[in-house]
C-alpha atoms as a PDB file:
ATOM      1  CA  UNK A   1       0.055   0.135   0.174  1.00  0.00           C
ATOM      2  CA  UNK A   2       1.119   3.566  -0.959  1.00  0.00           C
ATOM      3  CA  UNK A   3       0.837   6.321   1.834  1.00  0.00           C
ATOM      4  CA  UNK A   4       0.710   9.918   0.824  1.00  0.00           C
ATOM      5  CA  UNK A   5       0.866  12.497   3.585  1.00  0.00           C
ATOM      6  CA  UNK A   6       1.608  15.199   0.600  1.00  0.00           C
ATOM      7  CA  UNK A   7      -1.804  16.272  -0.944  1.00  0.00           C
ATOM      8  CA  UNK A   8      -0.140  18.658  -3.670  1.00  0.00           C
ATOM      9  CA  UNK A   9       2.053  15.950  -5.413  1.00  0.00           C
ATOM     10  CA  UNK A  10      -0.667  12.753  -5.690  1.00  0.00           C
ATOM     11  CA  UNK A  11      -0.397  10.141  -8.332  1.00  0.00           C
ATOM     12  CA  UNK A  12      -2.908   9.620 -11.355  1.00  0.00           C
ATOM     13  CA  UNK A  13      -4.614   7.168  -9.970  1.00  0.00           C
ATOM     14  CA  UNK A  14      -6.171   4.381 -12.311  1.00  0.00           C
ATOM     15  CA  UNK A  15      -9.699   4.223 -12.317  1.00  0.00           C
ATOM     16  CA  UNK A  16      -9.607   5.011  -8.317  1.00  0.00           C
ATOM     17  CA  UNK A  17     -12.475   3.657  -6.404  1.00  0.00           C
ATOM     18  CA  UNK A  18     -12.526   6.070  -3.608  1.00  0.00           C
ATOM     19  CA  UNK A  19     -14.124   5.786   0.345  1.00  0.00           C
ATOM     20  CA  UNK A  20     -13.608   8.322   2.935  1.00  0.00           C
ATOM     21  CA  UNK A  21     -13.929   8.167   6.899  1.00  0.00           C
ATOM     22  CA  UNK A  22     -11.804   7.584   9.717  1.00  0.00           C
ATOM     23  CA  UNK A  23     -12.013   4.028  10.065  1.00  0.00           C
ATOM     24  CA  UNK A  24     -10.771   4.130  13.588  1.00  0.00           C
ATOM     25  CA  UNK A  25      -9.695  -0.183  14.309  1.00  0.00           C
ATOM     26  CA  UNK A  26     -10.091  -0.760  10.900  1.00  0.00           C
ATOM     27  CA  UNK A  27     -12.524  -3.503  12.027  1.00  0.00           C
ATOM     28  CA  UNK A  28     -14.893  -6.481  11.001  1.00  0.00           C
ATOM     29  CA  UNK A  29     -17.600  -3.646   9.726  1.00  0.00           C
ATOM     30  CA  UNK A  30     -15.030  -1.246   8.296  1.00  0.00           C
ATOM     31  CA  UNK A  31     -13.599  -4.569   6.500  1.00  0.00           C
ATOM     32  CA  UNK A  32     -17.208  -4.995   4.429  1.00  0.00           C
ATOM     33  CA  UNK A  33     -16.735  -1.168   2.843  1.00  0.00           C
ATOM     34  CA  UNK A  34     -13.135  -2.516   2.147  1.00  0.00           C
ATOM     35  CA  UNK A  35     -14.393  -5.177   0.407  1.00  0.00           C
ATOM     36  CA  UNK A  36     -16.986  -3.769  -1.438  1.00  0.00           C
ATOM     37  CA  UNK A  37     -14.172  -1.218  -2.550  1.00  0.00           C
ATOM     38  CA  UNK A  38     -11.882  -4.249  -3.787  1.00  0.00           C
ATOM     39  CA  UNK A  39     -14.756  -6.050  -5.813  1.00  0.00           C
ATOM     40  CA  UNK A  40     -15.576  -2.663  -7.283  1.00  0.00           C
ATOM     41  CA  UNK A  41     -11.934  -2.076  -8.303  1.00  0.00           C
ATOM     42  CA  UNK A  42     -11.612  -5.272  -9.984  1.00  0.00           C
ATOM     43  CA  UNK A  43     -14.423  -4.935 -12.463  1.00  0.00           C
ATOM     44  CA  UNK A  44     -12.569  -1.832 -13.599  1.00  0.00           C
ATOM     45  CA  UNK A  45      -9.058  -2.732 -13.550  1.00  0.00           C
ATOM     46  CA  UNK A  46      -8.834   0.440 -11.077  1.00  0.00           C
ATOM     47  CA  UNK A  47      -7.152   0.688  -7.456  1.00  0.00           C
ATOM     48  CA  UNK A  48      -8.796   1.708  -4.335  1.00  0.00           C
ATOM     49  CA  UNK A  49      -7.860   4.585  -2.247  1.00  0.00           C
ATOM     50  CA  UNK A  50      -8.688   5.328   1.203  1.00  0.00           C
ATOM     51  CA  UNK A  51      -9.181   8.650   2.284  1.00  0.00           C
ATOM     52  CA  UNK A  52      -9.052   9.844   5.769  1.00  0.00           C
ATOM     53  CA  UNK A  53      -8.120  12.769   7.791  1.00  0.00           C
ATOM     54  CA  UNK A  54      -5.239  13.582  10.637  1.00  0.00           C
ATOM     55  CA  UNK A  55      -5.728  14.523  13.552  1.00  0.00           C
ATOM     56  CA  UNK A  56      -9.439  13.681  14.523  1.00  0.00           C
ATOM     57  CA  UNK A  57     -11.954  16.202  12.973  1.00  0.00           C
ATOM     58  CA  UNK A  58     -13.617  16.082  16.367  1.00  0.00           C
ATOM     59  CA  UNK A  59     -10.465  17.888  17.987  1.00  0.00           C
ATOM     60  CA  UNK A  60     -10.724  20.485  15.734  1.00  0.00           C
ATOM     61  CA  UNK A  61     -14.052  21.137  14.625  1.00  0.00           C
ATOM     62  CA  UNK A  62     -16.013  23.758  16.771  1.00  0.00           C
ATOM     63  CA  UNK A  63     -19.314  22.261  18.977  1.00  0.00           C
ATOM     64  CA  UNK A  64     -17.458  18.939  18.485  1.00  0.00           C
ATOM     65  CA  UNK A  65     -15.054  19.112  20.644  1.00  0.00           C
ATOM     66  CA  UNK A  66     -13.611  16.613  23.290  1.00  0.00           C
ATOM     67  CA  UNK A  67     -11.314  13.875  24.280  1.00  0.00           C
ATOM     68  CA  UNK A  68     -10.951  11.153  21.663  1.00  0.00           C
ATOM     69  CA  UNK A  69      -9.620   8.054  22.578  1.00  0.00           C
ATOM     70  CA  UNK A  70      -8.773   5.596  19.516  1.00  0.00           C
ATOM     71  CA  UNK A  71      -8.601   2.228  18.906  1.00  0.00           C
ATOM     72  CA  UNK A  72      -5.808   2.916  16.618  1.00  0.00           C
ATOM     73  CA  UNK A  73      -3.102   5.238  15.802  1.00  0.00           C
ATOM     74  CA  UNK A  74      -2.475   6.587  11.840  1.00  0.00           C
ATOM     75  CA  UNK A  75       0.326   3.822  12.020  1.00  0.00           C
ATOM     76  CA  UNK A  76      -1.281   1.510  13.432  1.00  0.00           C
ATOM     77  CA  UNK A  77      -4.228   1.862  10.772  1.00  0.00           C
ATOM     78  CA  UNK A  78      -1.814   1.796   8.213  1.00  0.00           C
ATOM     79  CA  UNK A  79      -0.318  -1.553   9.220  1.00  0.00           C
ATOM     80  CA  UNK A  80      -3.932  -2.970   8.993  1.00  0.00           C
ATOM     81  CA  UNK A  81      -4.945  -1.388   6.067  1.00  0.00           C
ATOM     82  CA  UNK A  82      -1.716  -2.933   4.224  1.00  0.00           C
ATOM     83  CA  UNK A  83      -2.419  -5.838   5.305  1.00  0.00           C
ATOM     84  CA  UNK A  84      -6.141  -6.102   4.094  1.00  0.00           C
ATOM     85  CA  UNK A  85      -5.076  -5.179   0.625  1.00  0.00           C
ATOM     86  CA  UNK A  86      -6.008  -1.749   0.162  1.00  0.00           C
ATOM     87  CA  UNK A  87      -3.646   0.251  -2.792  1.00  0.00           C
ATOM     88  CA  UNK A  88      -3.870   3.873  -1.352  1.00  0.00           C
ATOM     89  CA  UNK A  89      -4.156   5.399   1.851  1.00  0.00           C
ATOM     90  CA  UNK A  90      -4.357   9.282   1.402  1.00  0.00           C
ATOM     91  CA  UNK A  91      -3.901  11.159   5.008  1.00  0.00           C
ATOM     92  CA  UNK A  92      -5.262  15.077   4.937  1.00  0.00           C
ATOM     93  CA  UNK A  93      -4.407  17.593   7.370  1.00  0.00           C
ATOM     94  CA  UNK A  94      -7.426  18.538   9.452  1.00  0.00           C
ATOM     95  CA  UNK A  95      -7.380  21.888   9.814  1.00  0.00           C
ATOM     96  CA  UNK A  96      -9.737  24.288  10.934  1.00  0.00           C
ATOM     97  CA  UNK A  97      -9.125  25.690   7.510  1.00  0.00           C
ATOM     98  CA  UNK A  98      -9.914  22.732   5.688  1.00  0.00           C
ATOM     99  CA  UNK A  99     -13.384  22.138   7.788  1.00  0.00           C
ATOM    100  CA  UNK A 100     -14.823  25.477   6.929  1.00  0.00           C
ATOM    101  CA  UNK A 101     -14.333  24.541   3.276  1.00  0.00           C
ATOM    102  CA  UNK A 102     -17.521  24.334   1.561  1.00  0.00           C
ATOM    103  CA  UNK A 103     -19.813  21.585   0.568  1.00  0.00           C
ATOM    104  CA  UNK A 104     -19.851  22.334  -3.306  1.00  0.00           C
ATOM    105  CA  UNK A 105     -16.124  23.520  -3.243  1.00  0.00           C
ATOM    106  CA  UNK A 106     -15.363  20.097  -0.801  1.00  0.00           C
ATOM    107  CA  UNK A 107     -16.486  17.973  -4.420  1.00  0.00           C
ATOM    108  CA  UNK A 108     -15.018  19.982  -6.989  1.00  0.00           C
ATOM    109  CA  UNK A 109     -11.459  20.930  -5.760  1.00  0.00           C
ATOM    110  CA  UNK A 110     -11.413  18.708  -3.241  1.00  0.00           C
ATOM    111  CA  UNK A 111     -12.637  15.274  -4.255  1.00  0.00           C
ATOM    112  CA  UNK A 112     -12.295  15.460  -7.876  1.00  0.00           C
ATOM    113  CA  UNK A 113      -9.355  17.938  -8.564  1.00  0.00           C
ATOM    114  CA  UNK A 114      -7.536  15.450  -5.996  1.00  0.00           C
ATOM    115  CA  UNK A 115      -8.622  12.534  -7.098  1.00  0.00           C
ATOM    116  CA  UNK A 116     -10.491  12.541 -10.327  1.00  0.00           C
ATOM    117  CA  UNK A 117     -12.493   9.108  -9.048  1.00  0.00           C
ATOM    118  CA  UNK A 118     -14.088   6.587 -10.595  1.00  0.00           C
ATOM    119  CA  UNK A 119     -16.516   5.685  -8.122  1.00  0.00           C
ATOM    120  CA  UNK A 120     -16.814   6.866  -5.020  1.00  0.00           C
ATOM    121  CA  UNK A 121     -18.496   5.220  -2.305  1.00  0.00           C
ATOM    122  CA  UNK A 122     -20.039   6.720   0.659  1.00  0.00           C
ATOM    123  CA  UNK A 123     -22.802   6.066   3.393  1.00  0.00           C
ATOM    124  CA  UNK A 124     -25.951   7.742   2.995  1.00  0.00           C
ATOM    125  CA  UNK A 125     -25.545   9.920   6.256  1.00  0.00           C
ATOM    126  CA  UNK A 126     -21.941  10.914   5.415  1.00  0.00           C
ATOM    127  CA  UNK A 127     -21.408  14.591   6.076  1.00  0.00           C
ATOM    128  CA  UNK A 128     -19.094  16.725   4.495  1.00  0.00           C
ATOM    129  CA  UNK A 129     -17.843  20.336   3.867  1.00  0.00           C
ATOM    130  CA  UNK A 130     -18.575  23.638   6.486  1.00  0.00           C
ATOM    131  CA  UNK A 131     -21.436  22.889   8.492  1.00  0.00           C
ATOM    132  CA  UNK A 132     -21.536  19.080   7.563  1.00  0.00           C
ATOM    133  CA  UNK A 133     -24.052  20.297   4.462  1.00  0.00           C
ATOM    134  CA  UNK A 134     -22.781  18.379   2.073  1.00  0.00           C
ATOM    135  CA  UNK A 135     -24.437  14.696   1.595  1.00  0.00           C
ATOM    136  CA  UNK A 136     -24.943  12.134  -0.160  1.00  0.00           C
ATOM    137  CA  UNK A 137     -27.606  13.687  -2.537  1.00  0.00           C
ATOM    138  CA  UNK A 138     -25.528  16.369  -3.050  1.00  0.00           C
ATOM    139  CA  UNK A 139     -23.027  13.942  -4.545  1.00  0.00           C
ATOM    140  CA  UNK A 140     -24.899  12.266  -6.921  1.00  0.00           C
ATOM    141  CA  UNK A 141     -26.527  15.323  -7.973  1.00  0.00           C
ATOM    142  CA  UNK A 142     -23.069  17.120  -8.813  1.00  0.00           C
ATOM    143  CA  UNK A 143     -21.482  12.813  -9.943  1.00  0.00           C
ATOM    144  CA  UNK A 144     -22.486  13.243 -14.142  1.00  0.00           C
ATOM    145  CA  UNK A 145     -20.794  16.533 -14.588  1.00  0.00           C
ATOM    146  CA  UNK A 146     -17.419  14.683 -13.420  1.00  0.00           C
ATOM    147  CA  UNK A 147     -18.707  11.403 -15.064  1.00  0.00           C
ATOM    148  CA  UNK A 148     -17.995  10.091 -11.440  1.00  0.00           C
ATOM    149  CA  UNK A 149     -20.277   7.274 -10.188  1.00  0.00           C
ATOM    150  CA  UNK A 150     -21.456   6.928  -6.698  1.00  0.00           C
ATOM    151  CA  UNK A 151     -22.376   3.721  -4.627  1.00  0.00           C
ATOM    152  CA  UNK A 152     -24.346   3.766  -1.672  1.00  0.00           C
ATOM    153  CA  UNK A 153     -22.624   1.288   1.096  1.00  0.00           C
ATOM    154  CA  UNK A 154     -25.965  -0.077   2.688  1.00  0.00           C
ATOM    155  CA  UNK A 155     -27.890   0.987   5.977  1.00  0.00           C
ATOM    156  CA  UNK A 156     -27.066  -2.731   7.135  1.00  0.00           C
ATOM    157  CA  UNK A 157     -23.062  -2.122   7.080  1.00  0.00           C
ATOM    158  CA  UNK A 158     -23.001   1.256   8.657  1.00  0.00           C
ATOM    159  CA  UNK A 159     -25.286   0.622  11.487  1.00  0.00           C
ATOM    160  CA  UNK A 160     -22.736  -2.522  12.014  1.00  0.00           C
ATOM    161  CA  UNK A 161     -20.142   0.205  11.766  1.00  0.00           C
ATOM    162  CA  UNK A 162     -21.327   2.413  14.094  1.00  0.00           C
ATOM    163  CA  UNK A 163     -22.877  -0.320  16.646  1.00  0.00           C
ATOM    164  CA  UNK A 164     -19.439  -2.112  16.292  1.00  0.00           C
ATOM    165  CA  UNK A 165     -17.267   0.868  17.186  1.00  0.00           C
ATOM    166  CA  UNK A 166     -19.382   2.036  20.473  1.00  0.00           C
ATOM    167  CA  UNK A 167     -19.303  -1.711  21.691  1.00  0.00           C
ATOM    168  CA  UNK A 168     -15.929  -2.305  20.910  1.00  0.00           C
ATOM    169  CA  UNK A 169     -14.725   0.511  23.197  1.00  0.00           C
ATOM    170  CA  UNK A 170     -17.034  -0.040  25.565  1.00  0.00           C
ATOM    171  CA  UNK A 171     -16.214  -3.801  25.980  1.00  0.00           C
ATOM    172  CA  UNK A 172     -12.409  -2.714  26.137  1.00  0.00           C
ATOM    173  CA  UNK A 173     -13.003  -0.508  29.408  1.00  0.00           C
ATOM    174  CA  UNK A 174     -15.254  -3.010  30.681  1.00  0.00           C
ATOM    175  CA  UNK A 175     -12.704  -5.867  30.155  1.00  0.00           C
ATOM    176  CA  UNK A 176     -14.800  -7.762  27.923  1.00  0.00           C
ATOM    177  CA  UNK A 177     -11.845  -8.573  25.543  1.00  0.00           C
ATOM    178  CA  UNK A 178     -13.258 -11.385  23.714  1.00  0.00           C
ATOM    179  CA  UNK A 179     -16.271  -9.389  22.849  1.00  0.00           C
ATOM    180  CA  UNK A 180     -13.711  -6.231  21.508  1.00  0.00           C
ATOM    181  CA  UNK A 181     -11.340  -9.230  19.727  1.00  0.00           C
ATOM    182  CA  UNK A 182     -14.223 -10.447  17.991  1.00  0.00           C
ATOM    183  CA  UNK A 183     -15.673  -7.619  16.410  1.00  0.00           C
ATOM    184  CA  UNK A 184     -12.002  -5.985  15.444  1.00  0.00           C
ATOM    185  CA  UNK A 185     -11.523  -9.583  14.377  1.00  0.00           C
ATOM    186  CA  UNK A 186      -7.821  -9.224  15.730  1.00  0.00           C
ATOM    187  CA  UNK A 187      -6.350  -8.852  19.274  1.00  0.00           C
ATOM    188  CA  UNK A 188      -6.175  -5.530  20.572  1.00  0.00           C
ATOM    189  CA  UNK A 189      -2.477  -3.825  20.767  1.00  0.00           C
ATOM    190  CA  UNK A 190      -1.167  -1.134  22.043  1.00  0.00           C
ATOM    191  CA  UNK A 191       2.520  -0.019  21.886  1.00  0.00           C
ATOM    192  CA  UNK A 192       4.543   1.235  24.707  1.00  0.00           C
ATOM    193  CA  UNK A 193       8.047   2.533  26.451  1.00  0.00           C
ATOM    194  CA  UNK A 194       9.525  -0.070  29.379  1.00  0.00           C
ATOM    195  CA  UNK A 195      10.151   2.416  32.155  1.00  0.00           C
ATOM    196  CA  UNK A 196      11.481   1.989  35.565  1.00  0.00           C
ATOM    197  CA  UNK A 197       9.170   1.311  38.493  1.00  0.00           C
ATOM    198  CA  UNK A 198       9.507   0.891  41.869  1.00  0.00           C
ATOM    199  CA  UNK A 199      10.940  -3.391  41.478  1.00  0.00           C
ATOM    200  CA  UNK A 200       7.833  -3.969  43.996  1.00  0.00           C
ATOM    201  CA  UNK A 201       7.078  -7.152  41.661  1.00  0.00           C
ATOM    202  CA  UNK A 202      10.720  -8.233  41.541  1.00  0.00           C
ATOM    203  CA  UNK A 203      10.120  -9.318  45.192  1.00  0.00           C
ATOM    204  CA  UNK A 204       7.518 -10.901  44.880  1.00  0.00           C
ATOM    205  CA  UNK A 205       8.815 -13.226  42.349  1.00  0.00           C
ATOM    206  CA  UNK A 206       6.949 -11.764  39.346  1.00  0.00           C
ATOM    207  CA  UNK A 207       9.020  -9.115  37.834  1.00  0.00           C
ATOM    208  CA  UNK A 208       7.280  -6.686  35.125  1.00  0.00           C
ATOM    209  CA  UNK A 209       7.626  -4.215  32.431  1.00  0.00           C
ATOM    210  CA  UNK A 210       5.861  -0.808  33.727  1.00  0.00           C
ATOM    211  CA  UNK A 211       4.775   0.407  30.454  1.00  0.00           C
ATOM    212  CA  UNK A 212       4.096   3.869  29.441  1.00  0.00           C
ATOM    213  CA  UNK A 213       1.926   3.845  26.146  1.00  0.00           C
ATOM    214  CA  UNK A 214       2.875   6.148  23.175  1.00  0.00           C
ATOM    215  CA  UNK A 215       0.012   7.355  21.816  1.00  0.00           C
ATOM    216  CA  UNK A 216      -1.494   9.422  24.918  1.00  0.00           C
ATOM    217  CA  UNK A 217      -4.874   9.340  22.974  1.00  0.00           C
ATOM    218  CA  UNK A 218      -4.899   5.136  22.545  1.00  0.00           C
ATOM    219  CA  UNK A 219      -7.734   3.817  24.554  1.00  0.00           C
ATOM    220  CA  UNK A 220      -6.330   1.479  26.924  1.00  0.00           C
ATOM    221  CA  UNK A 221      -8.280  -1.395  28.791  1.00  0.00           C
ATOM    222  CA  UNK A 222     -10.169  -1.250  31.916  1.00  0.00           C
ATOM    223  CA  UNK A 223      -8.681  -1.977  35.350  1.00  0.00           C
ATOM    224  CA  UNK A 224      -7.811  -5.862  36.013  1.00  0.00           C
ATOM    225  CA  UNK A 225      -5.168  -8.369  34.830  1.00  0.00           C
ATOM    226  CA  UNK A 226      -4.991  -9.859  31.331  1.00  0.00           C
ATOM    227  CA  UNK A 227      -3.555 -12.848  29.150  1.00  0.00           C
ATOM    228  CA  UNK A 228      -1.474 -11.169  26.804  1.00  0.00           C
ATOM    229  CA  UNK A 229       1.530 -11.663  24.412  1.00  0.00           C
ATOM    230  CA  UNK A 230       4.262  -9.195  24.400  1.00  0.00           C
ATOM    231  CA  UNK A 231       6.509  -8.634  20.694  1.00  0.00           C
ATOM    232  CA  UNK A 232      10.127  -7.552  21.504  1.00  0.00           C
ATOM    233  CA  UNK A 233      12.003  -5.741  18.223  1.00  0.00           C
ATOM    234  CA  UNK A 234      14.878  -4.742  20.318  1.00  0.00           C
ATOM    235  CA  UNK A 235      17.801  -5.870  22.242  1.00  0.00           C
ATOM    236  CA  UNK A 236      15.796  -9.600  22.669  1.00  0.00           C
ATOM    237  CA  UNK A 237      13.077  -9.862  19.869  1.00  0.00           C
ATOM    238  CA  UNK A 238      10.542 -12.335  19.425  1.00  0.00           C
ATOM    239  CA  UNK A 239       6.761 -13.166  20.598  1.00  0.00           C
ATOM    240  CA  UNK A 240       6.237 -14.160  24.796  1.00  0.00           C
ATOM    241  CA  UNK A 241       3.357 -15.124  26.759  1.00  0.00           C
ATOM    242  CA  UNK A 242       2.455 -13.058  30.277  1.00  0.00           C
ATOM    243  CA  UNK A 243       0.116 -11.508  32.001  1.00  0.00           C
ATOM    244  CA  UNK A 244      -0.968  -7.610  32.658  1.00  0.00           C
ATOM    245  CA  UNK A 245      -2.023  -5.353  35.176  1.00  0.00           C
ATOM    246  CA  UNK A 246      -3.737  -2.399  34.755  1.00  0.00           C
ATOM    247  CA  UNK A 247      -4.508  -0.328  37.626  1.00  0.00           C
ATOM    248  CA  UNK A 248      -3.360   1.488  41.122  1.00  0.00           C
ATOM    249  CA  UNK A 249      -2.430  -1.480  42.663  1.00  0.00           C
ATOM    250  CA  UNK A 250      -4.574  -1.161  45.836  1.00  0.00           C
ATOM    251  CA  UNK A 251      -2.505  -3.399  47.770  1.00  0.00           C
ATOM    252  CA  UNK A 252       0.207  -1.508  48.145  1.00  0.00           C
ATOM    253  CA  UNK A 253      -1.418   2.037  48.378  1.00  0.00           C
ATOM    254  CA  UNK A 254      -0.812   2.554  44.642  1.00  0.00           C
ATOM    255  CA  UNK A 255      -1.796   6.299  43.779  1.00  0.00           C
ATOM    256  CA  UNK A 256      -0.694   6.406  40.109  1.00  0.00           C
ATOM    257  CA  UNK A 257      -2.318   4.196  37.328  1.00  0.00           C
ATOM    258  CA  UNK A 258       0.095   1.647  36.053  1.00  0.00           C
ATOM    259  CA  UNK A 259       0.175  -0.458  33.000  1.00  0.00           C
ATOM    260  CA  UNK A 260       2.701  -3.488  33.923  1.00  0.00           C
ATOM    261  CA  UNK A 261       3.562  -6.945  32.453  1.00  0.00           C
ATOM    262  CA  UNK A 262       5.241 -10.091  33.481  1.00  0.00           C
ATOM    263  CA  UNK A 263       6.834 -11.897  30.576  1.00  0.00           C
ATOM    264  CA  UNK A 264       6.956 -15.372  30.847  1.00  0.00           C
ATOM    265  CA  UNK A 265      10.681 -16.789  30.567  1.00  0.00           C
ATOM    266  CA  UNK A 266      12.085 -13.655  30.420  1.00  0.00           C
ATOM    267  CA  UNK A 267      14.506 -12.218  32.591  1.00  0.00           C
ATOM    268  CA  UNK A 268      16.197  -9.486  30.584  1.00  0.00           C
ATOM    269  CA  UNK A 269      16.726  -6.103  30.377  1.00  0.00           C
ATOM    270  CA  UNK A 270      14.243  -4.237  28.112  1.00  0.00           C
ATOM    271  CA  UNK A 271      14.597  -0.786  29.994  1.00  0.00           C
ATOM    272  CA  UNK A 272      13.840   2.196  27.493  1.00  0.00           C
ATOM    273  CA  UNK A 273      12.574  -0.170  24.596  1.00  0.00           C
ATOM    274  CA  UNK A 274       9.260  -0.235  22.700  1.00  0.00           C
ATOM    275  CA  UNK A 275       7.190  -3.290  23.008  1.00  0.00           C
ATOM    276  CA  UNK A 276       3.916  -4.205  21.162  1.00  0.00           C
ATOM    277  CA  UNK A 277       1.061  -5.624  23.773  1.00  0.00           C
ATOM    278  CA  UNK A 278      -1.436  -8.166  22.059  1.00  0.00           C
ATOM    279  CA  UNK A 279      -4.346  -8.236  24.842  1.00  0.00           C
ATOM    280  CA  UNK A 280      -6.427 -11.566  24.863  1.00  0.00           C
ATOM    281  CA  UNK A 281      -7.896 -12.713  27.520  1.00  0.00           C
ATOM    282  CA  UNK A 282      -9.624 -10.757  31.002  1.00  0.00           C
ATOM    283  CA  UNK A 283      -8.278 -13.170  33.990  1.00  0.00           C
ATOM    284  CA  UNK A 284      -9.691 -11.033  36.764  1.00  0.00           C
ATOM    285  CA  UNK A 285     -11.060  -7.386  38.358  1.00  0.00           C
ATOM    286  CA  UNK A 286      -8.080  -5.648  40.537  1.00  0.00           C
ATOM    287  CA  UNK A 287      -8.875  -5.855  44.009  1.00  0.00           C
ATOM    288  CA  UNK A 288      -7.336  -5.092  47.148  1.00  0.00           C
ATOM    289  CA  UNK A 289      -5.484  -8.051  49.227  1.00  0.00           C
ATOM    290  CA  UNK A 290      -5.306  -8.436  52.451  1.00  0.00           C
ATOM    291  CA  UNK A 291      -1.325  -8.293  52.201  1.00  0.00           C
ATOM    292  CA  UNK A 292       1.622  -8.720  50.068  1.00  0.00           C
ATOM    293  CA  UNK A 293       1.142 -12.653  50.589  1.00  0.00           C
ATOM    294  CA  UNK A 294      -2.263 -12.964  49.560  1.00  0.00           C
ATOM    295  CA  UNK A 295      -1.220 -10.697  46.541  1.00  0.00           C
ATOM    296  CA  UNK A 296       1.899 -13.222  45.544  1.00  0.00           C
ATOM    297  CA  UNK A 297      -0.740 -16.321  45.558  1.00  0.00           C
ATOM    298  CA  UNK A 298      -3.524 -14.335  43.768  1.00  0.00           C
ATOM    299  CA  UNK A 299      -0.256 -13.766  41.011  1.00  0.00           C
ATOM    300  CA  UNK A 300       0.615 -17.287  41.071  1.00  0.00           C
ATOM    301  CA  UNK A 301      -3.477 -18.021  40.824  1.00  0.00           C
ATOM    302  CA  UNK A 302      -3.458 -15.596  37.920  1.00  0.00           C
ATOM    303  CA  UNK A 303      -0.145 -17.042  36.009  1.00  0.00           C
ATOM    304  CA  UNK A 304      -2.031 -20.254  36.144  1.00  0.00           C
ATOM    305  CA  UNK A 305      -5.291 -19.068  34.742  1.00  0.00           C
ATOM    306  CA  UNK A 306      -3.236 -17.466  32.159  1.00  0.00           C
ATOM    307  CA  UNK A 307      -1.202 -20.613  31.110  1.00  0.00           C
ATOM    308  CA  UNK A 308      -4.522 -22.589  30.969  1.00  0.00           C
ATOM    309  CA  UNK A 309      -6.491 -19.420  28.316  1.00  0.00           C
ATOM    310  CA  UNK A 310      -3.025 -20.326  26.271  1.00  0.00           C
ATOM    311  CA  UNK A 311      -3.165 -24.008  26.406  1.00  0.00           C
ATOM    312  CA  UNK A 312      -7.003 -24.008  25.659  1.00  0.00           C
ATOM    313  CA  UNK A 313      -5.745 -21.626  22.146  1.00  0.00           C
ATOM    314  CA  UNK A 314      -3.749 -24.151  20.709  1.00  0.00           C
END
């Protein structure tokens, strides 16, 4: 997949089949749209082109502000879309100036002038242009002037996309990892840097890598213990099983939310390195124990349940 950041120097796309959106999560609902794009492109010997925006429009458009927590960072979306087999991803810098573009100007001087689409696949409820005045009907009205075909994403698929995105976020926050991963079509994952902690896990016999999420907008699952796999790419590359705790560590009077991973059968130093954590299964909620002995016994039980989960998944 070719990724384009400079919209002033785009290539001439061959019979471009274009769709537009943020596609956060690149989940199973989105993939139905991408499969439709690929079928349309195959019929006309065309190329699939996804147009997306960065930063998230909600951070820029007045009246739509608020904290944005993403299922996928832009780099993660690029990775997933590459695996799906999309031909081109065009990342548009979403600015206040861009958001003020009128609907007809958006169609003529942005969509048509930049992409020369053969086909635009878009939802009936898609809105664009200043004050979101542009819609499917306007595109359909103007399309013949530009020899462009407009195809609608079926309402059923759009509803699945909307519902899936909401349910995935809620499921991750509630610890329902199996539901989230089923809708994503892959294990939820995040990138983090290994930082120094208080070494308390080592004293308990369960040394942990303390993690700092690299993108503050990345959604972090709810507090609790999880079965995970960890992908290392630095000094000790490989994939390892482990268990992760997210929370405040109430048994030791923790006051700061932390993400810690105990990597099984691994004793190397990886401070400062970037790792990717894949979240597979929820083990239990975070809880306060009577003391360190009870905590240690719980960690032993967590490890047994984690290993049993991976054994079952073979």
